C-alpha atoms as a PDB file:
ATOM      1  CA  UNK A   1       0.000   0.000   0.000  1.00  0.00           C
ATOM      2  CA  UNK A   2       1.353   3.388  -1.025  1.00  0.00           C
ATOM      3  CA  UNK A   3       1.655   6.018   1.662  1.00  0.00           C
ATOM      4  CA  UNK A   4      -0.142   9.205   0.777  1.00  0.00           C
ATOM      5  CA  UNK A   5       2.041  12.252   1.131  1.00  0.00           C
ATOM      6  CA  UNK A   6       1.705  15.920   0.308  1.00  0.00           C
ATOM      7  CA  UNK A   7       3.606  15.251  -2.913  1.00  0.00           C
ATOM      8  CA  UNK A   8       1.350  12.456  -4.212  1.00  0.00           C
ATOM      9  CA  UNK A   9      -2.041  13.235  -2.633  1.00  0.00           C
ATOM     10  CA  UNK A  10      -3.453  15.120  -5.610  1.00  0.00           C
ATOM     11  CA  UNK A  11      -2.136  12.436  -7.980  1.00  0.00           C
ATOM     12  CA  UNK A  12      -4.298   9.636  -6.557  1.00  0.00           C
ATOM     13  CA  UNK A  13      -6.221   7.967  -9.398  1.00  0.00           C
ATOM     14  CA  UNK A  14      -9.645   8.624  -7.862  1.00  0.00           C
ATOM     15  CA  UNK A  15      -9.047  12.397  -7.714  1.00  0.00           C
ATOM     16  CA  UNK A  16      -9.903  12.764 -11.430  1.00  0.00           C
ATOM     17  CA  UNK A  17     -13.229  11.063 -10.661  1.00  0.00           C
ATOM     18  CA  UNK A  18     -13.863  13.426  -7.728  1.00  0.00           C
ATOM     19  CA  UNK A  19     -13.196  16.455  -9.922  1.00  0.00           C
ATOM     20  CA  UNK A  20     -15.453  15.141 -12.734  1.00  0.00           C
ATOM     21  CA  UNK A  21     -18.218  14.378 -10.236  1.00  0.00           C
ATOM     22  CA  UNK A  22     -18.066  17.913  -8.814  1.00  0.00           C
ATOM     23  CA  UNK A  23     -17.914  19.523 -12.269  1.00  0.00           C
ATOM     24  CA  UNK A  24     -20.890  17.437 -13.391  1.00  0.00           C
ATOM     25  CA  UNK A  25     -22.927  18.403 -10.343  1.00  0.00           C
ATOM     26  CA  UNK A  26     -22.060  22.079 -10.843  1.00  0.00           C
ATOM     27  CA  UNK A  27     -23.042  21.937 -14.533  1.00  0.00           C
ATOM     28  CA  UNK A  28     -26.348  20.232 -13.718  1.00  0.00           C
ATOM     29  CA  UNK A  29     -27.048  22.676 -10.894  1.00  0.00           C
ATOM     30  CA  UNK A  30     -26.486  25.669 -13.222  1.00  0.00           C
ATOM     31  CA  UNK A  31     -28.763  24.158 -15.864  1.00  0.00           C
ATOM     32  CA  UNK A  32     -31.459  23.364 -13.283  1.00  0.00           C
ATOM     33  CA  UNK A  33     -31.286  26.872 -11.778  1.00  0.00           C
ATOM     34  CA  UNK A  34     -31.443  28.499 -15.214  1.00  0.00           C
ATOM     35  CA  UNK A  35     -34.566  26.501 -16.044  1.00  0.00           C
ATOM     36  CA  UNK A  36     -36.295  27.535 -12.810  1.00  0.00           C
ATOM     37  CA  UNK A  37     -35.312  31.209 -12.845  1.00  0.00           C
ATOM     38  CA  UNK A  38     -38.094  32.139 -15.297  1.00  0.00           C
ATOM     39  CA  UNK A  39     -40.631  30.921 -12.723  1.00  0.00           C
ATOM     40  CA  UNK A  40     -38.979  32.911  -9.933  1.00  0.00           C
ATOM     41  CA  UNK A  41     -38.146  29.732  -8.034  1.00  0.00           C
ATOM     42  CA  UNK A  42     -34.911  28.580  -6.459  1.00  0.00           C
ATOM     43  CA  UNK A  43     -33.897  24.934  -6.673  1.00  0.00           C
ATOM     44  CA  UNK A  44     -34.908  24.234  -3.043  1.00  0.00           C
ATOM     45  CA  UNK A  45     -38.276  25.980  -3.526  1.00  0.00           C
ATOM     46  CA  UNK A  46     -38.980  23.975  -6.672  1.00  0.00           C
ATOM     47  CA  UNK A  47     -37.866  20.796  -4.912  1.00  0.00           C
ATOM     48  CA  UNK A  48     -40.459  21.378  -2.167  1.00  0.00           C
ATOM     49  CA  UNK A  49     -43.247  22.288  -4.604  1.00  0.00           C
ATOM     50  CA  UNK A  50     -42.497  19.330  -6.886  1.00  0.00           C
ATOM     51  CA  UNK A  51     -42.367  16.999  -3.873  1.00  0.00           C
ATOM     52  CA  UNK A  52     -45.677  18.298  -2.479  1.00  0.00           C
ATOM     53  CA  UNK A  53     -47.395  18.045  -5.858  1.00  0.00           C
ATOM     54  CA  UNK A  54     -49.988  15.274  -6.132  1.00  0.00           C
ATOM     55  CA  UNK A  55     -50.007  14.798  -2.335  1.00  0.00           C
ATOM     56  CA  UNK A  56     -52.345  15.871   0.449  1.00  0.00           C
ATOM     57  CA  UNK A  57     -49.373  17.523   2.110  1.00  0.00           C
ATOM     58  CA  UNK A  58     -46.342  16.217   3.929  1.00  0.00           C
ATOM     59  CA  UNK A  59     -44.693  16.737   7.301  1.00  0.00           C
ATOM     60  CA  UNK A  60     -41.370  18.542   7.497  1.00  0.00           C
ATOM     61  CA  UNK A  61     -39.740  15.193   8.248  1.00  0.00           C
ATOM     62  CA  UNK A  62     -41.259  13.607   5.125  1.00  0.00           C
ATOM     63  CA  UNK A  63     -40.213  16.543   2.943  1.00  0.00           C
ATOM     64  CA  UNK A  64     -36.686  16.317   4.343  1.00  0.00           C
ATOM     65  CA  UNK A  65     -36.502  12.601   3.514  1.00  0.00           C
ATOM     66  CA  UNK A  66     -37.763  13.114  -0.044  1.00  0.00           C
ATOM     67  CA  UNK A  67     -35.772  16.193  -1.046  1.00  0.00           C
ATOM     68  CA  UNK A  68     -32.165  17.308  -1.175  1.00  0.00           C
ATOM     69  CA  UNK A  69     -32.821  20.042   1.387  1.00  0.00           C
ATOM     70  CA  UNK A  70     -31.178  19.928   4.795  1.00  0.00           C
ATOM     71  CA  UNK A  71     -33.401  20.119   7.854  1.00  0.00           C
ATOM     72  CA  UNK A  72     -31.927  23.473   8.870  1.00  0.00           C
ATOM     73  CA  UNK A  73     -32.685  25.021   5.479  1.00  0.00           C
ATOM     74  CA  UNK A  74     -36.162  23.548   5.028  1.00  0.00           C
ATOM     75  CA  UNK A  75     -37.954  25.879   7.471  1.00  0.00           C
ATOM     76  CA  UNK A  76     -36.631  28.950   5.669  1.00  0.00           C
ATOM     77  CA  UNK A  77     -37.611  27.546   2.272  1.00  0.00           C
ATOM     78  CA  UNK A  78     -41.150  26.837   3.489  1.00  0.00           C
ATOM     79  CA  UNK A  79     -41.310  30.318   5.070  1.00  0.00           C
ATOM     80  CA  UNK A  80     -40.447  31.918   1.717  1.00  0.00           C
ATOM     81  CA  UNK A  81     -42.942  29.731  -0.161  1.00  0.00           C
ATOM     82  CA  UNK A  82     -45.587  30.679   2.399  1.00  0.00           C
ATOM     83  CA  UNK A  83     -44.865  34.386   1.797  1.00  0.00           C
ATOM     84  CA  UNK A  84     -45.426  33.746  -1.922  1.00  0.00           C
ATOM     85  CA  UNK A  85     -48.781  32.093  -0.995  1.00  0.00           C
ATOM     86  CA  UNK A  86     -47.644  28.827  -2.601  1.00  0.00           C
ATOM     87  CA  UNK A  87     -47.820  26.657   0.539  1.00  0.00           C
ATOM     88  CA  UNK A  88     -49.456  26.769   3.929  1.00  0.00           C
ATOM     89  CA  UNK A  89     -48.854  25.007   7.205  1.00  0.00           C
ATOM     90  CA  UNK A  90     -51.644  22.852   8.560  1.00  0.00           C
ATOM     91  CA  UNK A  91     -51.767  21.313  12.014  1.00  0.00           C
ATOM     92  CA  UNK A  92     -52.096  17.531  12.008  1.00  0.00           C
ATOM     93  CA  UNK A  93     -55.482  16.036  12.835  1.00  0.00           C
ATOM     94  CA  UNK A  94     -54.261  13.142  14.979  1.00  0.00           C
ATOM     95  CA  UNK A  95     -51.131  14.746  16.414  1.00  0.00           C
ATOM     96  CA  UNK A  96     -51.480  18.497  16.842  1.00  0.00           C
ATOM     97  CA  UNK A  97     -47.706  18.792  17.306  1.00  0.00           C
ATOM     98  CA  UNK A  98     -47.248  17.520  13.753  1.00  0.00           C
ATOM     99  CA  UNK A  99     -47.337  20.247  11.111  1.00  0.00           C
ATOM    100  CA  UNK A 100     -48.108  19.378   7.503  1.00  0.00           C
ATOM    101  CA  UNK A 101     -47.097  21.552   4.578  1.00  0.00           C
ATOM    102  CA  UNK A 102     -49.651  21.659   1.768  1.00  0.00           C
ATOM    103  CA  UNK A 103     -49.793  23.421  -1.570  1.00  0.00           C
ATOM    104  CA  UNK A 104     -52.278  26.265  -1.794  1.00  0.00           C
ATOM    105  CA  UNK A 105     -54.488  26.594  -4.886  1.00  0.00           C
ATOM    106  CA  UNK A 106     -51.892  28.990  -6.298  1.00  0.00           C
ATOM    107  CA  UNK A 107     -49.104  26.516  -5.449  1.00  0.00           C
ATOM    108  CA  UNK A 108     -50.978  23.646  -7.043  1.00  0.00           C
ATOM    109  CA  UNK A 109     -51.532  25.681 -10.236  1.00  0.00           C
ATOM    110  CA  UNK A 110     -47.808  26.495 -10.294  1.00  0.00           C
ATOM    111  CA  UNK A 111     -46.923  22.817  -9.779  1.00  0.00           C
ATOM    112  CA  UNK A 112     -49.244  21.682 -12.595  1.00  0.00           C
ATOM    113  CA  UNK A 113     -47.825  24.320 -14.954  1.00  0.00           C
ATOM    114  CA  UNK A 114     -44.106  24.285 -14.103  1.00  0.00           C
ATOM    115  CA  UNK A 115     -43.355  20.647 -13.182  1.00  0.00           C
ATOM    116  CA  UNK A 116     -44.002  19.106 -16.628  1.00  0.00           C
ATOM    117  CA  UNK A 117     -42.267  22.014 -18.373  1.00  0.00           C
ATOM    118  CA  UNK A 118     -39.190  21.711 -16.172  1.00  0.00           C
ATOM    119  CA  UNK A 119     -39.008  17.943 -16.614  1.00  0.00           C
ATOM    120  CA  UNK A 120     -39.233  18.446 -20.404  1.00  0.00           C
ATOM    121  CA  UNK A 121     -36.432  21.040 -20.161  1.00  0.00           C
ATOM    122  CA  UNK A 122     -34.200  18.587 -18.279  1.00  0.00           C
ATOM    123  CA  UNK A 123     -35.207  15.699 -20.566  1.00  0.00           C
ATOM    124  CA  UNK A 124     -34.008  17.629 -23.615  1.00  0.00           C
ATOM    125  CA  UNK A 125     -30.506  17.418 -22.159  1.00  0.00           C
ATOM    126  CA  UNK A 126     -30.710  13.813 -20.949  1.00  0.00           C
ATOM    127  CA  UNK A 127     -32.019  12.787 -24.392  1.00  0.00           C
ATOM    128  CA  UNK A 128     -28.412  13.148 -25.566  1.00  0.00           C
ATOM    129  CA  UNK A 129     -27.745   9.880 -23.701  1.00  0.00           C
ATOM    130  CA  UNK A 130     -29.032   6.455 -24.708  1.00  0.00           C
ATOM    131  CA  UNK A 131     -31.146   4.452 -22.266  1.00  0.00           C
ATOM    132  CA  UNK A 132     -28.187   2.096 -21.860  1.00  0.00           C
ATOM    133  CA  UNK A 133     -25.856   4.991 -21.027  1.00  0.00           C
ATOM    134  CA  UNK A 134     -28.337   6.329 -18.465  1.00  0.00           C
ATOM    135  CA  UNK A 135     -28.590   2.909 -16.779  1.00  0.00           C
ATOM    136  CA  UNK A 136     -24.795   2.472 -16.796  1.00  0.00           C
ATOM    137  CA  UNK A 137     -24.230   5.901 -15.224  1.00  0.00           C
ATOM    138  CA  UNK A 138     -27.011   5.313 -12.688  1.00  0.00           C
ATOM    139  CA  UNK A 139     -25.512   1.949 -11.648  1.00  0.00           C
ATOM    140  CA  UNK A 140     -22.030   3.437 -11.366  1.00  0.00           C
ATOM    141  CA  UNK A 141     -23.280   6.348  -9.226  1.00  0.00           C
ATOM    142  CA  UNK A 142     -25.226   3.969  -6.980  1.00  0.00           C
ATOM    143  CA  UNK A 143     -22.117   1.817  -6.515  1.00  0.00           C
ATOM    144  CA  UNK A 144     -20.064   4.939  -5.750  1.00  0.00           C
ATOM    145  CA  UNK A 145     -22.641   6.072  -3.154  1.00  0.00           C
ATOM    146  CA  UNK A 146     -22.422   2.656  -1.447  1.00  0.00           C
ATOM    147  CA  UNK A 147     -18.678   3.205  -0.965  1.00  0.00           C
ATOM    148  CA  UNK A 148     -19.532   6.032   1.400  1.00  0.00           C
END
């Protein structure tokens, strides 16, 4: 086993993969943000709206499990969506300590309009890959995630 030193640390074979992974995420994030900007939504706001769509509402815990938003950020995102009248908080029926976040009528209209358009926007880029390439990349990323 080779000892990692200051001189050879950046030359480790996996470092090229790390850089490509970060560059890919940054490129996707820019593309995603650009597609949402016209609707005056940030990525986290869209993530919450798209996750709440076609549901009767979700708890903060459920939203956190289904989105890429950290627990600490989620409250602020919901606050901003509430100020835009896109979501509202509703106290749980069985457990009054449990707050559900639901789309308002305005939020539901936005979801029904924007979600399919945004997916089509993203699809136009992923269409450059074959189904086999998509499955290969997906399997490789899943295997990489299991390493961690």
